[in-house]
Amino acid sequence: MDLNEELKKQARQLTELQDSVSEIKGLLVHRQANQDEWLCPKEARQILKVSARKEQYLRDSGKLPFTKIGRDVRINRSCVIKLLNEGC
């Protein structure tokens, strides 16, 4: 194989690698965007499959972190997923 063919082969491989990296970056950005989403308590309950009382208990006990914006309670999706994976 001459030098020119070898360079073309390496250029194709590099392009394929760059495409793969771009695809992985896109997936990671999408995943991070979903986990940074804020949920209302009802949405958190639906994901966790718990009652309103259980959701309140999880917040009161500190197992489910939340934030208040005015009178509205918001729960970060990543916290809900983490709690779901740990088992509530």
Protein backbone atom coordinates (compact mmCIF):
# COMPACT_ATOMS: atom_id res chain seq x y z
CA MET A 1 0.00 0.00 0.00
CA ASP A 2 1.47 3.34 -0.90
CA LEU A 3 1.60 6.33 1.42
CA ASN A 4 -1.30 8.17 -0.27
CA GLU A 5 -3.70 5.24 0.21
CA GLU A 6 -2.64 4.88 3.84
CA LEU A 7 -3.33 8.56 4.49
CA LYS A 8 -6.77 8.31 2.88
CA LYS A 9 -7.58 5.27 5.04
CA GLN A 10 -6.52 7.08 8.21
CA ALA A 11 -8.53 10.15 7.19
CA ARG A 12 -11.67 7.98 6.81
CA GLN A 13 -11.06 6.39 10.19
CA LEU A 14 -10.61 9.82 11.77
CA THR A 15 -13.85 11.06 10.22
CA GLU A 16 -15.72 8.00 11.53
CA LEU A 17 -14.26 8.57 14.99
CA GLN A 18 -15.26 12.25 14.94
CA ASP A 19 -18.80 11.29 13.92
CA SER A 20 -18.99 8.80 16.80
CA VAL A 21 -17.76 11.39 19.29
CA SER A 22 -20.33 13.91 18.05
CA GLU A 23 -23.10 11.35 18.43
CA ILE A 24 -22.01 10.52 22.00
CA LYS A 25 -21.87 14.23 22.89
CA GLY A 26 -25.41 14.67 21.59
CA LEU A 27 -26.67 11.78 23.71
CA LEU A 28 -24.97 13.13 26.82
CA VAL A 29 -26.36 16.64 26.32
CA HIS A 30 -29.86 15.20 25.86
CA ARG A 31 -29.50 13.04 28.98
CA GLN A 32 -28.22 15.94 31.06
CA ALA A 33 -31.03 18.21 29.84
CA ASN A 34 -33.61 15.63 30.95
CA GLN A 35 -32.06 15.25 34.39
CA ASP A 36 -31.93 18.99 35.01
CA GLU A 37 -35.69 19.21 34.55
CA TRP A 38 -37.77 20.39 37.51
CA LEU A 39 -40.95 18.50 38.38
CA CYS A 40 -44.01 19.39 40.38
CA PRO A 41 -44.83 17.01 43.26
CA LYS A 42 -47.57 15.27 41.25
CA GLU A 43 -45.11 14.40 38.46
CA ALA A 44 -42.59 13.13 41.03
CA ARG A 45 -45.29 10.95 42.63
CA GLN A 46 -46.20 9.48 39.26
CA ILE A 47 -42.59 8.53 38.55
CA LEU A 48 -42.03 7.14 42.06
CA LYS A 49 -45.47 5.50 42.15
CA VAL A 50 -46.16 6.76 45.67
CA SER A 51 -49.05 8.52 47.37
CA ALA A 52 -49.13 12.23 48.16
CA ARG A 53 -48.51 11.42 51.83
CA LYS A 54 -45.47 9.26 51.04
CA GLU A 55 -44.05 11.99 48.77
CA GLN A 56 -44.54 14.52 51.59
CA TYR A 57 -42.82 12.15 54.04
CA LEU A 58 -39.86 11.73 51.65
CA ARG A 59 -39.52 15.52 51.39
CA ASP A 60 -39.92 16.06 55.16
CA SER A 61 -37.34 13.37 55.98
CA GLY A 62 -34.82 14.84 53.54
CA LYS A 63 -34.78 11.78 51.31
CA LEU A 64 -36.27 13.77 48.45
CA PRO A 65 -34.65 17.21 48.14
CA PHE A 66 -36.86 19.98 46.83
CA THR A 67 -36.95 23.71 46.37
CA LYS A 68 -39.74 26.23 46.83
CA ILE A 69 -40.31 29.02 44.37
CA GLY A 70 -42.85 31.22 46.05
CA ARG A 71 -45.57 28.78 47.06
CA ASP A 72 -44.67 26.21 44.40
CA VAL A 73 -42.64 23.12 45.27
CA ARG A 74 -40.26 21.83 42.61
CA ILE A 75 -38.25 18.61 42.66
CA ASN A 76 -35.26 17.94 40.43
CA ARG A 77 -35.80 14.96 38.12
CA SER A 78 -32.29 13.64 38.85
CA CYS A 79 -33.16 13.45 42.57
CA VAL A 80 -36.33 11.52 41.78
CA ILE A 81 -34.43 9.09 39.54
CA LYS A 82 -31.74 8.63 42.19
CA LEU A 83 -34.35 7.89 44.84
CA LEU A 84 -36.13 5.52 42.47
CA ASN A 85 -32.90 3.60 41.86
CA GLU A 86 -32.19 3.39 45.60
CA GLY A 87 -35.72 2.26 46.37
CA CYS A 88 -38.00 4.49 48.37
